[in-house]
Amino acid sequence: HDVAIIDGKPEILSTFGYVHEALG
């Protein structure tokens, strides 16, 4: 995953959501 630190905490910029949607 690609992750940024925003307001001191990790924020994922990428997502596996599209994969999950395709695979149910």
PDBML (XML) file of the C-alpha atoms, coordinates in Angstrom:
<?xml version="1.0" encoding="UTF-8" ?>
<PDBx:datablock datablockName="MODEL"
   xmlns:PDBx="http://pdbml.pdb.org/schema/pdbx-v50.xsd"
   xmlns:xsi="http://www.w3.org/2001/XMLSchema-instance"
   xsi:schemaLocation="http://pdbml.pdb.org/schema/pdbx-v50.xsd pdbx-v50.xsd">
   <PDBx:atom_siteCategory>
      <PDBx:atom_site id="1">
         <PDBx:B_iso_or_equiv>0.00</PDBx:B_iso_or_equiv>
         <PDBx:Cartn_x>0.000</PDBx:Cartn_x>
         <PDBx:Cartn_y>0.000</PDBx:Cartn_y>
         <PDBx:Cartn_z>0.000</PDBx:Cartn_z>
         <PDBx:auth_asym_id>A</PDBx:auth_asym_id>
         <PDBx:auth_atom_id>CA</PDBx:auth_atom_id>
         <PDBx:auth_comp_id>HIS</PDBx:auth_comp_id>
         <PDBx:auth_seq_id>1</PDBx:auth_seq_id>
         <PDBx:group_PDB>ATOM</PDBx:group_PDB>
         <PDBx:label_alt_id xsi:nil="true" />
         <PDBx:label_asym_id>A</PDBx:label_asym_id>
         <PDBx:label_atom_id>CA</PDBx:label_atom_id>
         <PDBx:label_comp_id>HIS</PDBx:label_comp_id>
         <PDBx:label_entity_id>1</PDBx:label_entity_id>
         <PDBx:label_seq_id>1</PDBx:label_seq_id>
         <PDBx:occupancy>1.00</PDBx:occupancy>
         <PDBx:pdbx_PDB_model_num>1</PDBx:pdbx_PDB_model_num>
         <PDBx:type_symbol>C</PDBx:type_symbol>
      </PDBx:atom_site>
      <PDBx:atom_site id="2">
         <PDBx:B_iso_or_equiv>0.00</PDBx:B_iso_or_equiv>
         <PDBx:Cartn_x>0.955</PDBx:Cartn_x>
         <PDBx:Cartn_y>3.679</PDBx:Cartn_y>
         <PDBx:Cartn_z>-0.461</PDBx:Cartn_z>
         <PDBx:auth_asym_id>A</PDBx:auth_asym_id>
         <PDBx:auth_atom_id>CA</PDBx:auth_atom_id>
         <PDBx:auth_comp_id>ASP</PDBx:auth_comp_id>
         <PDBx:auth_seq_id>2</PDBx:auth_seq_id>
         <PDBx:group_PDB>ATOM</PDBx:group_PDB>
         <PDBx:label_alt_id xsi:nil="true" />
         <PDBx:label_asym_id>A</PDBx:label_asym_id>
         <PDBx:label_atom_id>CA</PDBx:label_atom_id>
         <PDBx:label_comp_id>ASP</PDBx:label_comp_id>
         <PDBx:label_entity_id>1</PDBx:label_entity_id>
         <PDBx:label_seq_id>2</PDBx:label_seq_id>
         <PDBx:occupancy>1.00</PDBx:occupancy>
         <PDBx:pdbx_PDB_model_num>1</PDBx:pdbx_PDB_model_num>
         <PDBx:type_symbol>C</PDBx:type_symbol>
      </PDBx:atom_site>
      <PDBx:atom_site id="3">
         <PDBx:B_iso_or_equiv>0.00</PDBx:B_iso_or_equiv>
         <PDBx:Cartn_x>0.558</PDBx:Cartn_x>
         <PDBx:Cartn_y>5.505</PDBx:Cartn_y>
         <PDBx:Cartn_z>2.852</PDBx:Cartn_z>
         <PDBx:auth_asym_id>A</PDBx:auth_asym_id>
         <PDBx:auth_atom_id>CA</PDBx:auth_atom_id>
         <PDBx:auth_comp_id>VAL</PDBx:auth_comp_id>
         <PDBx:auth_seq_id>3</PDBx:auth_seq_id>
         <PDBx:group_PDB>ATOM</PDBx:group_PDB>
         <PDBx:label_alt_id xsi:nil="true" />
         <PDBx:label_asym_id>A</PDBx:label_asym_id>
         <PDBx:label_atom_id>CA</PDBx:label_atom_id>
         <PDBx:label_comp_id>VAL</PDBx:label_comp_id>
         <PDBx:label_entity_id>1</PDBx:label_entity_id>
         <PDBx:label_seq_id>3</PDBx:label_seq_id>
         <PDBx:occupancy>1.00</PDBx:occupancy>
         <PDBx:pdbx_PDB_model_num>1</PDBx:pdbx_PDB_model_num>
         <PDBx:type_symbol>C</PDBx:type_symbol>
      </PDBx:atom_site>
      <PDBx:atom_site id="4">
         <PDBx:B_iso_or_equiv>0.00</PDBx:B_iso_or_equiv>
         <PDBx:Cartn_x>0.913</PDBx:Cartn_x>
         <PDBx:Cartn_y>9.152</PDBx:Cartn_y>
         <PDBx:Cartn_z>3.916</PDBx:Cartn_z>
         <PDBx:auth_asym_id>A</PDBx:auth_asym_id>
         <PDBx:auth_atom_id>CA</PDBx:auth_atom_id>
         <PDBx:auth_comp_id>ALA</PDBx:auth_comp_id>
         <PDBx:auth_seq_id>4</PDBx:auth_seq_id>
         <PDBx:group_PDB>ATOM</PDBx:group_PDB>
         <PDBx:label_alt_id xsi:nil="true" />
         <PDBx:label_asym_id>A</PDBx:label_asym_id>
         <PDBx:label_atom_id>CA</PDBx:label_atom_id>
         <PDBx:label_comp_id>ALA</PDBx:label_comp_id>
         <PDBx:label_entity_id>1</PDBx:label_entity_id>
         <PDBx:label_seq_id>4</PDBx:label_seq_id>
         <PDBx:occupancy>1.00</PDBx:occupancy>
         <PDBx:pdbx_PDB_model_num>1</PDBx:pdbx_PDB_model_num>
         <PDBx:type_symbol>C</PDBx:type_symbol>
      </PDBx:atom_site>
      <PDBx:atom_site id="5">
         <PDBx:B_iso_or_equiv>0.00</PDBx:B_iso_or_equiv>
         <PDBx:Cartn_x>1.173</PDBx:Cartn_x>
         <PDBx:Cartn_y>10.663</PDBx:Cartn_y>
         <PDBx:Cartn_z>7.374</PDBx:Cartn_z>
         <PDBx:auth_asym_id>A</PDBx:auth_asym_id>
         <PDBx:auth_atom_id>CA</PDBx:auth_atom_id>
         <PDBx:auth_comp_id>ILE</PDBx:auth_comp_id>
         <PDBx:auth_seq_id>5</PDBx:auth_seq_id>
         <PDBx:group_PDB>ATOM</PDBx:group_PDB>
         <PDBx:label_alt_id xsi:nil="true" />
         <PDBx:label_asym_id>A</PDBx:label_asym_id>
         <PDBx:label_atom_id>CA</PDBx:label_atom_id>
         <PDBx:label_comp_id>ILE</PDBx:label_comp_id>
         <PDBx:label_entity_id>1</PDBx:label_entity_id>
         <PDBx:label_seq_id>5</PDBx:label_seq_id>
         <PDBx:occupancy>1.00</PDBx:occupancy>
         <PDBx:pdbx_PDB_model_num>1</PDBx:pdbx_PDB_model_num>
         <PDBx:type_symbol>C</PDBx:type_symbol>
      </PDBx:atom_site>
      <PDBx:atom_site id="6">
         <PDBx:B_iso_or_equiv>0.00</PDBx:B_iso_or_equiv>
         <PDBx:Cartn_x>-1.636</PDBx:Cartn_x>
         <PDBx:Cartn_y>13.215</PDBx:Cartn_y>
         <PDBx:Cartn_z>7.732</PDBx:Cartn_z>
         <PDBx:auth_asym_id>A</PDBx:auth_asym_id>
         <PDBx:auth_atom_id>CA</PDBx:auth_atom_id>
         <PDBx:auth_comp_id>ILE</PDBx:auth_comp_id>
         <PDBx:auth_seq_id>6</PDBx:auth_seq_id>
         <PDBx:group_PDB>ATOM</PDBx:group_PDB>
         <PDBx:label_alt_id xsi:nil="true" />
         <PDBx:label_asym_id>A</PDBx:label_asym_id>
         <PDBx:label_atom_id>CA</PDBx:label_atom_id>
         <PDBx:label_comp_id>ILE</PDBx:label_comp_id>
         <PDBx:label_entity_id>1</PDBx:label_entity_id>
         <PDBx:label_seq_id>6</PDBx:label_seq_id>
         <PDBx:occupancy>1.00</PDBx:occupancy>
         <PDBx:pdbx_PDB_model_num>1</PDBx:pdbx_PDB_model_num>
         <PDBx:type_symbol>C</PDBx:type_symbol>
      </PDBx:atom_site>
      <PDBx:atom_site id="7">
         <PDBx:B_iso_or_equiv>0.00</PDBx:B_iso_or_equiv>
         <PDBx:Cartn_x>-2.420</PDBx:Cartn_x>
         <PDBx:Cartn_y>14.886</PDBx:Cartn_y>
         <PDBx:Cartn_z>11.070</PDBx:Cartn_z>
         <PDBx:auth_asym_id>A</PDBx:auth_asym_id>
         <PDBx:auth_atom_id>CA</PDBx:auth_atom_id>
         <PDBx:auth_comp_id>ASP</PDBx:auth_comp_id>
         <PDBx:auth_seq_id>7</PDBx:auth_seq_id>
         <PDBx:group_PDB>ATOM</PDBx:group_PDB>
         <PDBx:label_alt_id xsi:nil="true" />
         <PDBx:label_asym_id>A</PDBx:label_asym_id>
         <PDBx:label_atom_id>CA</PDBx:label_atom_id>
         <PDBx:label_comp_id>ASP</PDBx:label_comp_id>
         <PDBx:label_entity_id>1</PDBx:label_entity_id>
         <PDBx:label_seq_id>7</PDBx:label_seq_id>
         <PDBx:occupancy>1.00</PDBx:occupancy>
         <PDBx:pdbx_PDB_model_num>1</PDBx:pdbx_PDB_model_num>
         <PDBx:type_symbol>C</PDBx:type_symbol>
      </PDBx:atom_site>
      <PDBx:atom_site id="8">
         <PDBx:B_iso_or_equiv>0.00</PDBx:B_iso_or_equiv>
         <PDBx:Cartn_x>0.133</PDBx:Cartn_x>
         <PDBx:Cartn_y>12.584</PDBx:Cartn_y>
         <PDBx:Cartn_z>12.636</PDBx:Cartn_z>
         <PDBx:auth_asym_id>A</PDBx:auth_asym_id>
         <PDBx:auth_atom_id>CA</PDBx:auth_atom_id>
         <PDBx:auth_comp_id>GLY</PDBx:auth_comp_id>
         <PDBx:auth_seq_id>8</PDBx:auth_seq_id>
         <PDBx:group_PDB>ATOM</PDBx:group_PDB>
         <PDBx:label_alt_id xsi:nil="true" />
         <PDBx:label_asym_id>A</PDBx:label_asym_id>
         <PDBx:label_atom_id>CA</PDBx:label_atom_id>
         <PDBx:label_comp_id>GLY</PDBx:label_comp_id>
         <PDBx:label_entity_id>1</PDBx:label_entity_id>
         <PDBx:label_seq_id>8</PDBx:label_seq_id>
         <PDBx:occupancy>1.00</PDBx:occupancy>
         <PDBx:pdbx_PDB_model_num>1</PDBx:pdbx_PDB_model_num>
         <PDBx:type_symbol>C</PDBx:type_symbol>
      </PDBx:atom_site>
      <PDBx:atom_site id="9">
         <PDBx:B_iso_or_equiv>0.00</PDBx:B_iso_or_equiv>
         <PDBx:Cartn_x>-1.607</PDBx:Cartn_x>
         <PDBx:Cartn_y>9.364</PDBx:Cartn_y>
         <PDBx:Cartn_z>11.562</PDBx:Cartn_z>
         <PDBx:auth_asym_id>A</PDBx:auth_asym_id>
         <PDBx:auth_atom_id>CA</PDBx:auth_atom_id>
         <PDBx:auth_comp_id>LYS</PDBx:auth_comp_id>
         <PDBx:auth_seq_id>9</PDBx:auth_seq_id>
         <PDBx:group_PDB>ATOM</PDBx:group_PDB>
         <PDBx:label_alt_id xsi:nil="true" />
         <PDBx:label_asym_id>A</PDBx:label_asym_id>
         <PDBx:label_atom_id>CA</PDBx:label_atom_id>
         <PDBx:label_comp_id>LYS</PDBx:label_comp_id>
         <PDBx:label_entity_id>1</PDBx:label_entity_id>
         <PDBx:label_seq_id>9</PDBx:label_seq_id>
         <PDBx:occupancy>1.00</PDBx:occupancy>
         <PDBx:pdbx_PDB_model_num>1</PDBx:pdbx_PDB_model_num>
         <PDBx:type_symbol>C</PDBx:type_symbol>
      </PDBx:atom_site>
      <PDBx:atom_site id="10">
         <PDBx:B_iso_or_equiv>0.00</PDBx:B_iso_or_equiv>
         <PDBx:Cartn_x>-1.403</PDBx:Cartn_x>
         <PDBx:Cartn_y>6.925</PDBx:Cartn_y>
         <PDBx:Cartn_z>8.635</PDBx:Cartn_z>
         <PDBx:auth_asym_id>A</PDBx:auth_asym_id>
         <PDBx:auth_atom_id>CA</PDBx:auth_atom_id>
         <PDBx:auth_comp_id>PRO</PDBx:auth_comp_id>
         <PDBx:auth_seq_id>10</PDBx:auth_seq_id>
         <PDBx:group_PDB>ATOM</PDBx:group_PDB>
         <PDBx:label_alt_id xsi:nil="true" />
         <PDBx:label_asym_id>A</PDBx:label_asym_id>
         <PDBx:label_atom_id>CA</PDBx:label_atom_id>
         <PDBx:label_comp_id>PRO</PDBx:label_comp_id>
         <PDBx:label_entity_id>1</PDBx:label_entity_id>
         <PDBx:label_seq_id>10</PDBx:label_seq_id>
         <PDBx:occupancy>1.00</PDBx:occupancy>
         <PDBx:pdbx_PDB_model_num>1</PDBx:pdbx_PDB_model_num>
         <PDBx:type_symbol>C</PDBx:type_symbol>
      </PDBx:atom_site>
      <PDBx:atom_site id="11">
         <PDBx:B_iso_or_equiv>0.00</PDBx:B_iso_or_equiv>
         <PDBx:Cartn_x>-3.685</PDBx:Cartn_x>
         <PDBx:Cartn_y>7.602</PDBx:Cartn_y>
         <PDBx:Cartn_z>5.673</PDBx:Cartn_z>
         <PDBx:auth_asym_id>A</PDBx:auth_asym_id>
         <PDBx:auth_atom_id>CA</PDBx:auth_atom_id>
         <PDBx:auth_comp_id>GLU</PDBx:auth_comp_id>
         <PDBx:auth_seq_id>11</PDBx:auth_seq_id>
         <PDBx:group_PDB>ATOM</PDBx:group_PDB>
         <PDBx:label_alt_id xsi:nil="true" />
         <PDBx:label_asym_id>A</PDBx:label_asym_id>
         <PDBx:label_atom_id>CA</PDBx:label_atom_id>
         <PDBx:label_comp_id>GLU</PDBx:label_comp_id>
         <PDBx:label_entity_id>1</PDBx:label_entity_id>
         <PDBx:label_seq_id>11</PDBx:label_seq_id>
         <PDBx:occupancy>1.00</PDBx:occupancy>
         <PDBx:pdbx_PDB_model_num>1</PDBx:pdbx_PDB_model_num>
         <PDBx:type_symbol>C</PDBx:type_symbol>
      </PDBx:atom_site>
      <PDBx:atom_site id="12">
         <PDBx:B_iso_or_equiv>0.00</PDBx:B_iso_or_equiv>
         <PDBx:Cartn_x>-3.824</PDBx:Cartn_x>
         <PDBx:Cartn_y>4.953</PDBx:Cartn_y>
         <PDBx:Cartn_z>2.921</PDBx:Cartn_z>
         <PDBx:auth_asym_id>A</PDBx:auth_asym_id>
         <PDBx:auth_atom_id>CA</PDBx:auth_atom_id>
         <PDBx:auth_comp_id>ILE</PDBx:auth_comp_id>
         <PDBx:auth_seq_id>12</PDBx:auth_seq_id>
         <PDBx:group_PDB>ATOM</PDBx:group_PDB>
         <PDBx:label_alt_id xsi:nil="true" />
         <PDBx:label_asym_id>A</PDBx:label_asym_id>
         <PDBx:label_atom_id>CA</PDBx:label_atom_id>
         <PDBx:label_comp_id>ILE</PDBx:label_comp_id>
         <PDBx:label_entity_id>1</PDBx:label_entity_id>
         <PDBx:label_seq_id>12</PDBx:label_seq_id>
         <PDBx:occupancy>1.00</PDBx:occupancy>
         <PDBx:pdbx_PDB_model_num>1</PDBx:pdbx_PDB_model_num>
         <PDBx:type_symbol>C</PDBx:type_symbol>
      </PDBx:atom_site>
      <PDBx:atom_site id="13">
         <PDBx:B_iso_or_equiv>0.00</PDBx:B_iso_or_equiv>
         <PDBx:Cartn_x>-3.713</PDBx:Cartn_x>
         <PDBx:Cartn_y>6.571</PDBx:Cartn_y>
         <PDBx:Cartn_z>-0.519</PDBx:Cartn_z>
         <PDBx:auth_asym_id>A</PDBx:auth_asym_id>
         <PDBx:auth_atom_id>CA</PDBx:auth_atom_id>
         <PDBx:auth_comp_id>LEU</PDBx:auth_comp_id>
         <PDBx:auth_seq_id>13</PDBx:auth_seq_id>
         <PDBx:group_PDB>ATOM</PDBx:group_PDB>
         <PDBx:label_alt_id xsi:nil="true" />
         <PDBx:label_asym_id>A</PDBx:label_asym_id>
         <PDBx:label_atom_id>CA</PDBx:label_atom_id>
         <PDBx:label_comp_id>LEU</PDBx:label_comp_id>
         <PDBx:label_entity_id>1</PDBx:label_entity_id>
         <PDBx:label_seq_id>13</PDBx:label_seq_id>
         <PDBx:occupancy>1.00</PDBx:occupancy>
         <PDBx:pdbx_PDB_model_num>1</PDBx:pdbx_PDB_model_num>
         <PDBx:type_symbol>C</PDBx:type_symbol>
      </PDBx:atom_site>
      <PDBx:atom_site id="14">
         <PDBx:B_iso_or_equiv>0.00</PDBx:B_iso_or_equiv>
         <PDBx:Cartn_x>-4.179</PDBx:Cartn_x>
         <PDBx:Cartn_y>3.327</PDBx:Cartn_y>
         <PDBx:Cartn_z>-2.451</PDBx:Cartn_z>
         <PDBx:auth_asym_id>A</PDBx:auth_asym_id>
         <PDBx:auth_atom_id>CA</PDBx:auth_atom_id>
         <PDBx:auth_comp_id>SER</PDBx:auth_comp_id>
         <PDBx:auth_seq_id>14</PDBx:auth_seq_id>
         <PDBx:group_PDB>ATOM</PDBx:group_PDB>
         <PDBx:label_alt_id xsi:nil="true" />
         <PDBx:label_asym_id>A</PDBx:label_asym_id>
         <PDBx:label_atom_id>CA</PDBx:label_atom_id>
         <PDBx:label_comp_id>SER</PDBx:label_comp_id>
         <PDBx:label_entity_id>1</PDBx:label_entity_id>
         <PDBx:label_seq_id>14</PDBx:label_seq_id>
         <PDBx:occupancy>1.00</PDBx:occupancy>
         <PDBx:pdbx_PDB_model_num>1</PDBx:pdbx_PDB_model_num>
         <PDBx:type_symbol>C</PDBx:type_symbol>
      </PDBx:atom_site>
      <PDBx:atom_site id="15">
         <PDBx:B_iso_or_equiv>0.00</PDBx:B_iso_or_equiv>
         <PDBx:Cartn_x>-7.017</PDBx:Cartn_x>
         <PDBx:Cartn_y>0.838</PDBx:Cartn_y>
         <PDBx:Cartn_z>-2.018</PDBx:Cartn_z>
         <PDBx:auth_asym_id>A</PDBx:auth_asym_id>
         <PDBx:auth_atom_id>CA</PDBx:auth_atom_id>
         <PDBx:auth_comp_id>THR</PDBx:auth_comp_id>
         <PDBx:auth_seq_id>15</PDBx:auth_seq_id>
         <PDBx:group_PDB>ATOM</PDBx:group_PDB>
         <PDBx:label_alt_id xsi:nil="true" />
         <PDBx:label_asym_id>A</PDBx:label_asym_id>
         <PDBx:label_atom_id>CA</PDBx:label_atom_id>
         <PDBx:label_comp_id>THR</PDBx:label_comp_id>
         <PDBx:label_entity_id>1</PDBx:label_entity_id>
         <PDBx:label_seq_id>15</PDBx:label_seq_id>
         <PDBx:occupancy>1.00</PDBx:occupancy>
         <PDBx:pdbx_PDB_model_num>1</PDBx:pdbx_PDB_model_num>
         <PDBx:type_symbol>C</PDBx:type_symbol>
      </PDBx:atom_site>
      <PDBx:atom_site id="16">
         <PDBx:B_iso_or_equiv>0.00</PDBx:B_iso_or_equiv>
         <PDBx:Cartn_x>-7.721</PDBx:Cartn_x>
         <PDBx:Cartn_y>-2.842</PDBx:Cartn_y>
         <PDBx:Cartn_z>-2.541</PDBx:Cartn_z>
         <PDBx:auth_asym_id>A</PDBx:auth_asym_id>
         <PDBx:auth_atom_id>CA</PDBx:auth_atom_id>
         <PDBx:auth_comp_id>PHE</PDBx:auth_comp_id>
         <PDBx:auth_seq_id>16</PDBx:auth_seq_id>
         <PDBx:group_PDB>ATOM</PDBx:group_PDB>
         <PDBx:label_alt_id xsi:nil="true" />
         <PDBx:label_asym_id>A</PDBx:label_asym_id>
         <PDBx:label_atom_id>CA</PDBx:label_atom_id>
         <PDBx:label_comp_id>PHE</PDBx:label_comp_id>
         <PDBx:label_entity_id>1</PDBx:label_entity_id>
         <PDBx:label_seq_id>16</PDBx:label_seq_id>
         <PDBx:occupancy>1.00</PDBx:occupancy>
         <PDBx:pdbx_PDB_model_num>1</PDBx:pdbx_PDB_model_num>
         <PDBx:type_symbol>C</PDBx:type_symbol>
      </PDBx:atom_site>
      <PDBx:atom_site id="17">
         <PDBx:B_iso_or_equiv>0.00</PDBx:B_iso_or_equiv>
         <PDBx:Cartn_x>-11.396</PDBx:Cartn_x>
         <PDBx:Cartn_y>-1.911</PDBx:Cartn_y>
         <PDBx:Cartn_z>-2.829</PDBx:Cartn_z>
         <PDBx:auth_asym_id>A</PDBx:auth_asym_id>
         <PDBx:auth_atom_id>CA</PDBx:auth_atom_id>
         <PDBx:auth_comp_id>GLY</PDBx:auth_comp_id>
         <PDBx:auth_seq_id>17</PDBx:auth_seq_id>
         <PDBx:group_PDB>ATOM</PDBx:group_PDB>
         <PDBx:label_alt_id xsi:nil="true" />
         <PDBx:label_asym_id>A</PDBx:label_asym_id>
         <PDBx:label_atom_id>CA</PDBx:label_atom_id>
         <PDBx:label_comp_id>GLY</PDBx:label_comp_id>
         <PDBx:label_entity_id>1</PDBx:label_entity_id>
         <PDBx:label_seq_id>17</PDBx:label_seq_id>
         <PDBx:occupancy>1.00</PDBx:occupancy>
         <PDBx:pdbx_PDB_model_num>1</PDBx:pdbx_PDB_model_num>
         <PDBx:type_symbol>C</PDBx:type_symbol>
      </PDBx:atom_site>
      <PDBx:atom_site id="18">
         <PDBx:B_iso_or_equiv>0.00</PDBx:B_iso_or_equiv>
         <PDBx:Cartn_x>-11.486</PDBx:Cartn_x>
         <PDBx:Cartn_y>-2.317</PDBx:Cartn_y>
         <PDBx:Cartn_z>-6.614</PDBx:Cartn_z>
         <PDBx:auth_asym_id>A</PDBx:auth_asym_id>
         <PDBx:auth_atom_id>CA</PDBx:auth_atom_id>
         <PDBx:auth_comp_id>TYR</PDBx:auth_comp_id>
         <PDBx:auth_seq_id>18</PDBx:auth_seq_id>
         <PDBx:group_PDB>ATOM</PDBx:group_PDB>
         <PDBx:label_alt_id xsi:nil="true" />
         <PDBx:label_asym_id>A</PDBx:label_asym_id>
         <PDBx:label_atom_id>CA</PDBx:label_atom_id>
         <PDBx:label_comp_id>TYR</PDBx:label_comp_id>
         <PDBx:label_entity_id>1</PDBx:label_entity_id>
         <PDBx:label_seq_id>18</PDBx:label_seq_id>
         <PDBx:occupancy>1.00</PDBx:occupancy>
         <PDBx:pdbx_PDB_model_num>1</PDBx:pdbx_PDB_model_num>
         <PDBx:type_symbol>C</PDBx:type_symbol>
      </PDBx:atom_site>
      <PDBx:atom_site id="19">
         <PDBx:B_iso_or_equiv>0.00</PDBx:B_iso_or_equiv>
         <PDBx:Cartn_x>-9.947</PDBx:Cartn_x>
         <PDBx:Cartn_y>-5.791</PDBx:Cartn_y>
         <PDBx:Cartn_z>-6.311</PDBx:Cartn_z>
         <PDBx:auth_asym_id>A</PDBx:auth_asym_id>
         <PDBx:auth_atom_id>CA</PDBx:auth_atom_id>
         <PDBx:auth_comp_id>VAL</PDBx:auth_comp_id>
         <PDBx:auth_seq_id>19</PDBx:auth_seq_id>
         <PDBx:group_PDB>ATOM</PDBx:group_PDB>
         <PDBx:label_alt_id xsi:nil="true" />
         <PDBx:label_asym_id>A</PDBx:label_asym_id>
         <PDBx:label_atom_id>CA</PDBx:label_atom_id>
         <PDBx:label_comp_id>VAL</PDBx:label_comp_id>
         <PDBx:label_entity_id>1</PDBx:label_entity_id>
         <PDBx:label_seq_id>19</PDBx:label_seq_id>
         <PDBx:occupancy>1.00</PDBx:occupancy>
         <PDBx:pdbx_PDB_model_num>1</PDBx:pdbx_PDB_model_num>
         <PDBx:type_symbol>C</PDBx:type_symbol>
      </PDBx:atom_site>
      <PDBx:atom_site id="20">
         <PDBx:B_iso_or_equiv>0.00</PDBx:B_iso_or_equiv>
         <PDBx:Cartn_x>-12.381</PDBx:Cartn_x>
         <PDBx:Cartn_y>-6.738</PDBx:Cartn_y>
         <PDBx:Cartn_z>-3.561</PDBx:Cartn_z>
         <PDBx:auth_asym_id>A</PDBx:auth_asym_id>
         <PDBx:auth_atom_id>CA</PDBx:auth_atom_id>
         <PDBx:auth_comp_id>HIS</PDBx:auth_comp_id>
         <PDBx:auth_seq_id>20</PDBx:auth_seq_id>
         <PDBx:group_PDB>ATOM</PDBx:group_PDB>
         <PDBx:label_alt_id xsi:nil="true" />
         <PDBx:label_asym_id>A</PDBx:label_asym_id>
         <PDBx:label_atom_id>CA</PDBx:label_atom_id>
         <PDBx:label_comp_id>HIS</PDBx:label_comp_id>
         <PDBx:label_entity_id>1</PDBx:label_entity_id>
         <PDBx:label_seq_id>20</PDBx:label_seq_id>
         <PDBx:occupancy>1.00</PDBx:occupancy>
         <PDBx:pdbx_PDB_model_num>1</PDBx:pdbx_PDB_model_num>
         <PDBx:type_symbol>C</PDBx:type_symbol>
      </PDBx:atom_site>
      <PDBx:atom_site id="21">
         <PDBx:B_iso_or_equiv>0.00</PDBx:B_iso_or_equiv>
         <PDBx:Cartn_x>-15.315</PDBx:Cartn_x>
         <PDBx:Cartn_y>-5.492</PDBx:Cartn_y>
         <PDBx:Cartn_z>-5.615</PDBx:Cartn_z>
         <PDBx:auth_asym_id>A</PDBx:auth_asym_id>
         <PDBx:auth_atom_id>CA</PDBx:auth_atom_id>
         <PDBx:auth_comp_id>GLU</PDBx:auth_comp_id>
         <PDBx:auth_seq_id>21</PDBx:auth_seq_id>
         <PDBx:group_PDB>ATOM</PDBx:group_PDB>
         <PDBx:label_alt_id xsi:nil="true" />
         <PDBx:label_asym_id>A</PDBx:label_asym_id>
         <PDBx:label_atom_id>CA</PDBx:label_atom_id>
         <PDBx:label_comp_id>GLU</PDBx:label_comp_id>
         <PDBx:label_entity_id>1</PDBx:label_entity_id>
         <PDBx:label_seq_id>21</PDBx:label_seq_id>
         <PDBx:occupancy>1.00</PDBx:occupancy>
         <PDBx:pdbx_PDB_model_num>1</PDBx:pdbx_PDB_model_num>
         <PDBx:type_symbol>C</PDBx:type_symbol>
      </PDBx:atom_site>
      <PDBx:atom_site id="22">
         <PDBx:B_iso_or_equiv>0.00</PDBx:B_iso_or_equiv>
         <PDBx:Cartn_x>-14.199</PDBx:Cartn_x>
         <PDBx:Cartn_y>-7.556</PDBx:Cartn_y>
         <PDBx:Cartn_z>-8.626</PDBx:Cartn_z>
         <PDBx:auth_asym_id>A</PDBx:auth_asym_id>
         <PDBx:auth_atom_id>CA</PDBx:auth_atom_id>
         <PDBx:auth_comp_id>ALA</PDBx:auth_comp_id>
         <PDBx:auth_seq_id>22</PDBx:auth_seq_id>
         <PDBx:group_PDB>ATOM</PDBx:group_PDB>
         <PDBx:label_alt_id xsi:nil="true" />
         <PDBx:label_asym_id>A</PDBx:label_asym_id>
         <PDBx:label_atom_id>CA</PDBx:label_atom_id>
         <PDBx:label_comp_id>ALA</PDBx:label_comp_id>
         <PDBx:label_entity_id>1</PDBx:label_entity_id>
         <PDBx:label_seq_id>22</PDBx:label_seq_id>
         <PDBx:occupancy>1.00</PDBx:occupancy>
         <PDBx:pdbx_PDB_model_num>1</PDBx:pdbx_PDB_model_num>
         <PDBx:type_symbol>C</PDBx:type_symbol>
      </PDBx:atom_site>
      <PDBx:atom_site id="23">
         <PDBx:B_iso_or_equiv>0.00</PDBx:B_iso_or_equiv>
         <PDBx:Cartn_x>-13.698</PDBx:Cartn_x>
         <PDBx:Cartn_y>-10.682</PDBx:Cartn_y>
         <PDBx:Cartn_z>-6.507</PDBx:Cartn_z>
         <PDBx:auth_asym_id>A</PDBx:auth_asym_id>
         <PDBx:auth_atom_id>CA</PDBx:auth_atom_id>
         <PDBx:auth_comp_id>LEU</PDBx:auth_comp_id>
         <PDBx:auth_seq_id>23</PDBx:auth_seq_id>
         <PDBx:group_PDB>ATOM</PDBx:group_PDB>
         <PDBx:label_alt_id xsi:nil="true" />
         <PDBx:label_asym_id>A</PDBx:label_asym_id>
         <PDBx:label_atom_id>CA</PDBx:label_atom_id>
         <PDBx:label_comp_id>LEU</PDBx:label_comp_id>
         <PDBx:label_entity_id>1</PDBx:label_entity_id>
         <PDBx:label_seq_id>23</PDBx:label_seq_id>
         <PDBx:occupancy>1.00</PDBx:occupancy>
         <PDBx:pdbx_PDB_model_num>1</PDBx:pdbx_PDB_model_num>
         <PDBx:type_symbol>C</PDBx:type_symbol>
      </PDBx:atom_site>
      <PDBx:atom_site id="24">
         <PDBx:B_iso_or_equiv>0.00</PDBx:B_iso_or_equiv>
         <PDBx:Cartn_x>-16.843</PDBx:Cartn_x>
         <PDBx:Cartn_y>-10.283</PDBx:Cartn_y>
         <PDBx:Cartn_z>-4.391</PDBx:Cartn_z>
         <PDBx:auth_asym_id>A</PDBx:auth_asym_id>
         <PDBx:auth_atom_id>CA</PDBx:auth_atom_id>
         <PDBx:auth_comp_id>GLY</PDBx:auth_comp_id>
         <PDBx:auth_seq_id>24</PDBx:auth_seq_id>
         <PDBx:group_PDB>ATOM</PDBx:group_PDB>
         <PDBx:label_alt_id xsi:nil="true" />
         <PDBx:label_asym_id>A</PDBx:label_asym_id>
         <PDBx:label_atom_id>CA</PDBx:label_atom_id>
         <PDBx:label_comp_id>GLY</PDBx:label_comp_id>
         <PDBx:label_entity_id>1</PDBx:label_entity_id>
         <PDBx:label_seq_id>24</PDBx:label_seq_id>
         <PDBx:occupancy>1.00</PDBx:occupancy>
         <PDBx:pdbx_PDB_model_num>1</PDBx:pdbx_PDB_model_num>
         <PDBx:type_symbol>C</PDBx:type_symbol>
      </PDBx:atom_site>
   </PDBx:atom_siteCategory>
</PDBx:datablock>
